[in-house]
């Protein structure tokens, strides 16, 4: 049996989603799989976070003679065990994780003033100033 590592299309209309699978090459594109090895979501806004692969399992299938398709070979080269874009992928996944965590914090109430005597002292001073202005206006 010839095994191919290829993409299995899932998702809905205008929202594609692919699983990277080890399949018999005679089975249809969306048919029975031997093992799922990761996924590829082209709709993710961060380019380097679109593919997530199980590197050890892919290495196993390649060691026993499985042949990847062209697109999967590119994904393995970038995001496989010794991929060229692994650091960028980690950074992109962190940025996506922060986007989900972001919710504005509820406003904290202002601390109550400890010294309540200070406003009481200001009130007589304001009254005195007001009396002076009224006396000046009366004259």
C-alpha atoms as a PDB file:
ATOM      1  CA  UNK A   1       0.000   0.000   0.000  1.00  0.00           C
ATOM      2  CA  UNK A   2       1.429   3.388  -1.015  1.00  0.00           C
ATOM      3  CA  UNK A   3       0.923   6.014   1.696  1.00  0.00           C
ATOM      4  CA  UNK A   4       0.692   9.718   0.927  1.00  0.00           C
ATOM      5  CA  UNK A   5       0.749  12.599   3.385  1.00  0.00           C
ATOM      6  CA  UNK A   6      -1.823  15.008   2.027  1.00  0.00           C
ATOM      7  CA  UNK A   7      -4.479  17.551   2.895  1.00  0.00           C
ATOM      8  CA  UNK A   8      -8.051  16.506   3.654  1.00  0.00           C
ATOM      9  CA  UNK A   9     -10.461  19.366   2.965  1.00  0.00           C
ATOM     10  CA  UNK A  10     -12.992  20.196   5.627  1.00  0.00           C
ATOM     11  CA  UNK A  11     -14.880  23.315   6.694  1.00  0.00           C
ATOM     12  CA  UNK A  12     -17.763  24.937   4.887  1.00  0.00           C
ATOM     13  CA  UNK A  13     -18.327  27.110   1.838  1.00  0.00           C
ATOM     14  CA  UNK A  14     -15.910  30.054   1.724  1.00  0.00           C
ATOM     15  CA  UNK A  15     -14.298  28.889   4.994  1.00  0.00           C
ATOM     16  CA  UNK A  16     -11.769  26.165   4.130  1.00  0.00           C
ATOM     17  CA  UNK A  17      -9.957  24.111   6.740  1.00  0.00           C
ATOM     18  CA  UNK A  18      -7.543  21.266   6.039  1.00  0.00           C
ATOM     19  CA  UNK A  19      -6.222  18.337   8.040  1.00  0.00           C
ATOM     20  CA  UNK A  20      -2.806  16.928   7.242  1.00  0.00           C
ATOM     21  CA  UNK A  21      -3.313  13.163   7.062  1.00  0.00           C
ATOM     22  CA  UNK A  22      -1.509   9.958   6.183  1.00  0.00           C
ATOM     23  CA  UNK A  23      -3.755   8.225   3.629  1.00  0.00           C
ATOM     24  CA  UNK A  24      -3.688   5.435   1.103  1.00  0.00           C
ATOM     25  CA  UNK A  25      -3.053   7.112  -2.236  1.00  0.00           C
ATOM     26  CA  UNK A  26      -6.009   5.254  -3.800  1.00  0.00           C
ATOM     27  CA  UNK A  27      -8.529   6.700  -1.328  1.00  0.00           C
ATOM     28  CA  UNK A  28     -10.469   9.855  -2.241  1.00  0.00           C
ATOM     29  CA  UNK A  29      -9.293  13.274  -1.034  1.00  0.00           C
ATOM     30  CA  UNK A  30     -11.811  13.435   1.808  1.00  0.00           C
ATOM     31  CA  UNK A  31     -11.896   9.688   2.397  1.00  0.00           C
ATOM     32  CA  UNK A  32     -10.637   7.366   5.091  1.00  0.00           C
ATOM     33  CA  UNK A  33      -7.370   8.315   6.781  1.00  0.00           C
ATOM     34  CA  UNK A  34      -4.732   6.179   8.449  1.00  0.00           C
ATOM     35  CA  UNK A  35      -3.608   8.914  10.860  1.00  0.00           C
ATOM     36  CA  UNK A  36      -4.132  12.651  11.302  1.00  0.00           C
ATOM     37  CA  UNK A  37      -0.831  14.508  11.521  1.00  0.00           C
ATOM     38  CA  UNK A  38      -1.882  18.124  12.027  1.00  0.00           C
ATOM     39  CA  UNK A  39      -3.970  20.850  10.463  1.00  0.00           C
ATOM     40  CA  UNK A  40      -3.754  23.866   8.164  1.00  0.00           C
ATOM     41  CA  UNK A  41      -6.211  26.766   8.449  1.00  0.00           C
ATOM     42  CA  UNK A  42      -5.675  29.338   5.665  1.00  0.00           C
ATOM     43  CA  UNK A  43      -8.137  31.784   7.257  1.00  0.00           C
ATOM     44  CA  UNK A  44      -5.969  32.545  10.321  1.00  0.00           C
ATOM     45  CA  UNK A  45      -4.771  36.171  10.122  1.00  0.00           C
ATOM     46  CA  UNK A  46      -1.232  35.344  11.294  1.00  0.00           C
ATOM     47  CA  UNK A  47       0.489  33.585   8.378  1.00  0.00           C
ATOM     48  CA  UNK A  48       2.921  31.615  10.509  1.00  0.00           C
ATOM     49  CA  UNK A  49       0.168  30.342  12.829  1.00  0.00           C
ATOM     50  CA  UNK A  50      -1.836  28.706  10.046  1.00  0.00           C
ATOM     51  CA  UNK A  51      -0.243  25.250  10.210  1.00  0.00           C
ATOM     52  CA  UNK A  52       0.350  23.096  13.248  1.00  0.00           C
ATOM     53  CA  UNK A  53       1.937  19.716  12.673  1.00  0.00           C
ATOM     54  CA  UNK A  54       2.849  16.686  14.785  1.00  0.00           C
ATOM     55  CA  UNK A  55       6.517  16.624  13.850  1.00  0.00           C
ATOM     56  CA  UNK A  56       7.407  13.254  15.392  1.00  0.00           C
ATOM     57  CA  UNK A  57       4.580  11.429  13.641  1.00  0.00           C
ATOM     58  CA  UNK A  58       5.389  13.050  10.309  1.00  0.00           C
ATOM     59  CA  UNK A  59       9.014  11.991  10.695  1.00  0.00           C
ATOM     60  CA  UNK A  60       7.830   8.443  11.390  1.00  0.00           C
ATOM     61  CA  UNK A  61       5.691   8.310   8.247  1.00  0.00           C
ATOM     62  CA  UNK A  62       8.450   9.769   6.119  1.00  0.00           C
ATOM     63  CA  UNK A  63      10.894   7.186   7.513  1.00  0.00           C
ATOM     64  CA  UNK A  64       8.617   4.304   6.485  1.00  0.00           C
ATOM     65  CA  UNK A  65       8.264   5.621   2.926  1.00  0.00           C
ATOM     66  CA  UNK A  66       5.215   7.918   2.874  1.00  0.00           C
ATOM     67  CA  UNK A  67       5.371  10.577   0.165  1.00  0.00           C
ATOM     68  CA  UNK A  68       4.063  14.100   0.900  1.00  0.00           C
ATOM     69  CA  UNK A  69       2.171  16.122  -1.694  1.00  0.00           C
ATOM     70  CA  UNK A  70       3.716  19.386  -2.916  1.00  0.00           C
ATOM     71  CA  UNK A  71       1.768  21.628  -0.543  1.00  0.00           C
ATOM     72  CA  UNK A  72       2.364  19.357   2.454  1.00  0.00           C
ATOM     73  CA  UNK A  73       6.080  19.167   1.619  1.00  0.00           C
ATOM     74  CA  UNK A  74       6.236  22.974   1.865  1.00  0.00           C
ATOM     75  CA  UNK A  75       4.391  22.897   5.209  1.00  0.00           C
ATOM     76  CA  UNK A  76       6.750  20.203   6.537  1.00  0.00           C
ATOM     77  CA  UNK A  77       9.780  22.201   5.402  1.00  0.00           C
ATOM     78  CA  UNK A  78       8.511  25.309   7.216  1.00  0.00           C
ATOM     79  CA  UNK A  79       6.807  23.875  10.304  1.00  0.00           C
ATOM     80  CA  UNK A  80       8.103  20.295  10.649  1.00  0.00           C
ATOM     81  CA  UNK A  81      10.561  19.053  13.270  1.00  0.00           C
ATOM     82  CA  UNK A  82      13.504  21.149  11.991  1.00  0.00           C
ATOM     83  CA  UNK A  83      11.385  23.754  10.206  1.00  0.00           C
ATOM     84  CA  UNK A  84      12.674  27.075   8.956  1.00  0.00           C
ATOM     85  CA  UNK A  85       9.774  29.096  10.399  1.00  0.00           C
ATOM     86  CA  UNK A  86       9.421  27.569  13.887  1.00  0.00           C
ATOM     87  CA  UNK A  87      10.508  30.716  15.752  1.00  0.00           C
ATOM     88  CA  UNK A  88       8.135  32.875  13.719  1.00  0.00           C
ATOM     89  CA  UNK A  89       5.371  30.343  14.379  1.00  0.00           C
ATOM     90  CA  UNK A  90       5.869  30.581  18.164  1.00  0.00           C
ATOM     91  CA  UNK A  91       5.738  34.369  18.030  1.00  0.00           C
ATOM     92  CA  UNK A  92       2.608  34.324  15.870  1.00  0.00           C
ATOM     93  CA  UNK A  93       0.859  31.887  18.226  1.00  0.00           C
ATOM     94  CA  UNK A  94       1.735  34.123  21.190  1.00  0.00           C
ATOM     95  CA  UNK A  95       0.292  37.162  19.413  1.00  0.00           C
ATOM     96  CA  UNK A  96      -2.906  35.251  18.645  1.00  0.00           C
ATOM     97  CA  UNK A  97      -3.141  34.111  22.262  1.00  0.00           C
ATOM     98  CA  UNK A  98      -2.851  37.692  23.473  1.00  0.00           C
ATOM     99  CA  UNK A  99      -5.648  38.767  21.145  1.00  0.00           C
ATOM    100  CA  UNK A 100      -8.014  36.287  22.782  1.00  0.00           C
ATOM    101  CA  UNK A 101      -6.992  37.293  26.306  1.00  0.00           C
ATOM    102  CA  UNK A 102      -7.485  41.000  25.671  1.00  0.00           C
ATOM    103  CA  UNK A 103     -10.539  42.314  27.400  1.00  0.00           C
ATOM    104  CA  UNK A 104     -10.457  45.781  28.887  1.00  0.00           C
ATOM    105  CA  UNK A 105     -10.102  45.652  32.643  1.00  0.00           C
ATOM    106  CA  UNK A 106     -13.077  46.991  34.591  1.00  0.00           C
ATOM    107  CA  UNK A 107     -12.395  50.463  35.978  1.00  0.00           C
ATOM    108  CA  UNK A 108     -11.123  50.376  39.536  1.00  0.00           C
ATOM    109  CA  UNK A 109     -12.998  52.605  41.991  1.00  0.00           C
ATOM    110  CA  UNK A 110     -11.011  55.590  43.202  1.00  0.00           C
ATOM    111  CA  UNK A 111      -9.749  55.214  46.753  1.00  0.00           C
ATOM    112  CA  UNK A 112     -11.827  57.122  49.307  1.00  0.00           C
ATOM    113  CA  UNK A 113     -10.072  60.175  50.763  1.00  0.00           C
ATOM    114  CA  UNK A 114      -8.628  59.357  54.165  1.00  0.00           C
ATOM    115  CA  UNK A 115      -8.551  62.883  55.551  1.00  0.00           C
ATOM    116  CA  UNK A 116     -12.150  64.068  55.569  1.00  0.00           C
ATOM    117  CA  UNK A 117     -11.382  67.017  57.873  1.00  0.00           C
ATOM    118  CA  UNK A 118      -9.619  68.970  55.124  1.00  0.00           C
ATOM    119  CA  UNK A 119     -12.834  69.699  53.143  1.00  0.00           C
ATOM    120  CA  UNK A 120     -14.555  70.753  56.381  1.00  0.00           C
ATOM    121  CA  UNK A 121     -11.830  73.366  57.029  1.00  0.00           C
ATOM    122  CA  UNK A 122     -12.131  74.694  53.487  1.00  0.00           C
ATOM    123  CA  UNK A 123     -15.847  75.301  53.833  1.00  0.00           C
ATOM    124  CA  UNK A 124     -15.564  78.076  56.483  1.00  0.00           C
ATOM    125  CA  UNK A 125     -12.837  79.737  54.441  1.00  0.00           C
ATOM    126  CA  UNK A 126     -15.130  79.747  51.421  1.00  0.00           C
ATOM    127  CA  UNK A 127     -17.978  81.163  53.509  1.00  0.00           C
ATOM    128  CA  UNK A 128     -15.713  83.916  54.810  1.00  0.00           C
ATOM    129  CA  UNK A 129     -14.639  84.804  51.300  1.00  0.00           C
ATOM    130  CA  UNK A 130     -18.257  84.843  50.204  1.00  0.00           C
ATOM    131  CA  UNK A 131     -19.188  87.156  53.118  1.00  0.00           C
ATOM    132  CA  UNK A 132     -16.406  89.553  52.178  1.00  0.00           C
ATOM    133  CA  UNK A 133     -17.622  89.749  48.580  1.00  0.00           C
ATOM    134  CA  UNK A 134     -21.222  90.333  49.689  1.00  0.00           C
ATOM    135  CA  UNK A 135     -20.124  93.064  52.127  1.00  0.00           C
ATOM    136  CA  UNK A 136     -18.106  94.716  49.371  1.00  0.00           C
ATOM    137  CA  UNK A 137     -21.078  94.534  47.043  1.00  0.00           C
ATOM    138  CA  UNK A 138     -23.405  96.018  49.694  1.00  0.00           C
ATOM    139  CA  UNK A 139     -21.195  99.092  50.136  1.00  0.00           C
END
